[in-house]
């Protein structure tokens, strides 16, 4: 439940973004750099392929995404 989400879809979208950010932080990534890399890399990728999806997980992020 997200108290101030206007719609169920909005609440779900918020939950997904928050989960990505918290997972990035827990795996030692800078959330901004990770999300930037993720969105650029996923753009145009065939996200129906499991191997592509696995390559986008936080623990597969490049060194440039890590907190220094």
C-alpha atoms as a PDB file:
ATOM      1  CA  UNK A   1       0.000   0.000   0.000  1.00  0.00           C
ATOM      2  CA  UNK A   2       1.188   3.478  -0.889  1.00  0.00           C
ATOM      3  CA  UNK A   3      -0.893   6.009   0.980  1.00  0.00           C
ATOM      4  CA  UNK A   4      -0.731   8.865  -1.510  1.00  0.00           C
ATOM      5  CA  UNK A   5      -0.616   7.007  -4.821  1.00  0.00           C
ATOM      6  CA  UNK A   6      -3.514   8.183  -6.953  1.00  0.00           C
ATOM      7  CA  UNK A   7      -4.018   4.848  -8.697  1.00  0.00           C
ATOM      8  CA  UNK A   8      -3.084   1.202  -8.152  1.00  0.00           C
ATOM      9  CA  UNK A   9      -0.812   1.376 -11.205  1.00  0.00           C
ATOM     10  CA  UNK A  10       0.919   4.424  -9.756  1.00  0.00           C
ATOM     11  CA  UNK A  11       1.490   2.588  -6.483  1.00  0.00           C
ATOM     12  CA  UNK A  12       2.923  -0.402  -8.325  1.00  0.00           C
ATOM     13  CA  UNK A  13       5.244   1.808 -10.378  1.00  0.00           C
ATOM     14  CA  UNK A  14       6.492   3.523  -7.231  1.00  0.00           C
ATOM     15  CA  UNK A  15       7.106   0.170  -5.565  1.00  0.00           C
ATOM     16  CA  UNK A  16       9.138  -1.068  -8.540  1.00  0.00           C
ATOM     17  CA  UNK A  17      11.346   2.051  -8.599  1.00  0.00           C
ATOM     18  CA  UNK A  18      11.859   1.982  -4.824  1.00  0.00           C
ATOM     19  CA  UNK A  19      12.783  -1.707  -5.010  1.00  0.00           C
ATOM     20  CA  UNK A  20      15.340  -1.033  -7.766  1.00  0.00           C
ATOM     21  CA  UNK A  21      16.871   1.814  -5.778  1.00  0.00           C
ATOM     22  CA  UNK A  22      17.105  -0.129  -2.519  1.00  0.00           C
ATOM     23  CA  UNK A  23      18.518  -3.220  -4.242  1.00  0.00           C
ATOM     24  CA  UNK A  24      21.133  -1.067  -5.960  1.00  0.00           C
ATOM     25  CA  UNK A  25      22.149   0.446  -2.612  1.00  0.00           C
ATOM     26  CA  UNK A  26      22.334  -2.985  -0.959  1.00  0.00           C
ATOM     27  CA  UNK A  27      24.636  -4.284  -3.711  1.00  0.00           C
ATOM     28  CA  UNK A  28      27.028  -1.323  -3.447  1.00  0.00           C
ATOM     29  CA  UNK A  29      25.803   0.613  -6.472  1.00  0.00           C
ATOM     30  CA  UNK A  30      25.118   4.294  -6.874  1.00  0.00           C
ATOM     31  CA  UNK A  31      21.344   4.250  -7.584  1.00  0.00           C
ATOM     32  CA  UNK A  32      21.503   7.162 -10.031  1.00  0.00           C
ATOM     33  CA  UNK A  33      24.333   5.644 -12.076  1.00  0.00           C
ATOM     34  CA  UNK A  34      22.747   2.191 -11.979  1.00  0.00           C
ATOM     35  CA  UNK A  35      19.318   3.412 -13.114  1.00  0.00           C
ATOM     36  CA  UNK A  36      20.913   5.529 -15.848  1.00  0.00           C
ATOM     37  CA  UNK A  37      22.898   2.518 -17.094  1.00  0.00           C
ATOM     38  CA  UNK A  38      19.856   0.239 -16.773  1.00  0.00           C
ATOM     39  CA  UNK A  39      17.509   2.474 -18.745  1.00  0.00           C
ATOM     40  CA  UNK A  40      20.059   3.116 -21.500  1.00  0.00           C
ATOM     41  CA  UNK A  41      20.960  -0.573 -21.771  1.00  0.00           C
ATOM     42  CA  UNK A  42      17.396  -1.876 -21.602  1.00  0.00           C
ATOM     43  CA  UNK A  43      16.160   0.581 -24.226  1.00  0.00           C
ATOM     44  CA  UNK A  44      15.573  -1.452 -27.357  1.00  0.00           C
ATOM     45  CA  UNK A  45      16.718  -4.739 -25.762  1.00  0.00           C
ATOM     46  CA  UNK A  46      14.674  -7.904 -26.217  1.00  0.00           C
ATOM     47  CA  UNK A  47      13.350  -8.137 -22.659  1.00  0.00           C
ATOM     48  CA  UNK A  48      11.528 -11.381 -23.398  1.00  0.00           C
ATOM     49  CA  UNK A  49      14.865 -13.235 -23.339  1.00  0.00           C
ATOM     50  CA  UNK A  50      15.864 -14.464 -19.847  1.00  0.00           C
ATOM     51  CA  UNK A  51      19.587 -14.058 -20.582  1.00  0.00           C
ATOM     52  CA  UNK A  52      19.069 -10.374 -21.414  1.00  0.00           C
ATOM     53  CA  UNK A  53      17.060  -9.830 -18.238  1.00  0.00           C
ATOM     54  CA  UNK A  54      19.742 -11.536 -16.136  1.00  0.00           C
ATOM     55  CA  UNK A  55      22.398  -9.259 -17.627  1.00  0.00           C
ATOM     56  CA  UNK A  56      20.496  -6.218 -16.329  1.00  0.00           C
ATOM     57  CA  UNK A  57      20.389  -7.300 -12.682  1.00  0.00           C
ATOM     58  CA  UNK A  58      22.234  -5.080 -10.176  1.00  0.00           C
ATOM     59  CA  UNK A  59      25.002  -7.594  -9.493  1.00  0.00           C
ATOM     60  CA  UNK A  60      25.790  -7.620 -13.234  1.00  0.00           C
ATOM     61  CA  UNK A  61      26.142  -3.830 -13.452  1.00  0.00           C
ATOM     62  CA  UNK A  62      29.475  -2.441 -14.686  1.00  0.00           C
ATOM     63  CA  UNK A  63      32.130  -1.028 -12.340  1.00  0.00           C
ATOM     64  CA  UNK A  64      31.140   2.509 -13.323  1.00  0.00           C
ATOM     65  CA  UNK A  65      27.888   2.043 -11.405  1.00  0.00           C
ATOM     66  CA  UNK A  66      29.587   1.157  -8.116  1.00  0.00           C
ATOM     67  CA  UNK A  67      29.887   3.576  -5.196  1.00  0.00           C
ATOM     68  CA  UNK A  68      33.416   4.895  -4.950  1.00  0.00           C
END
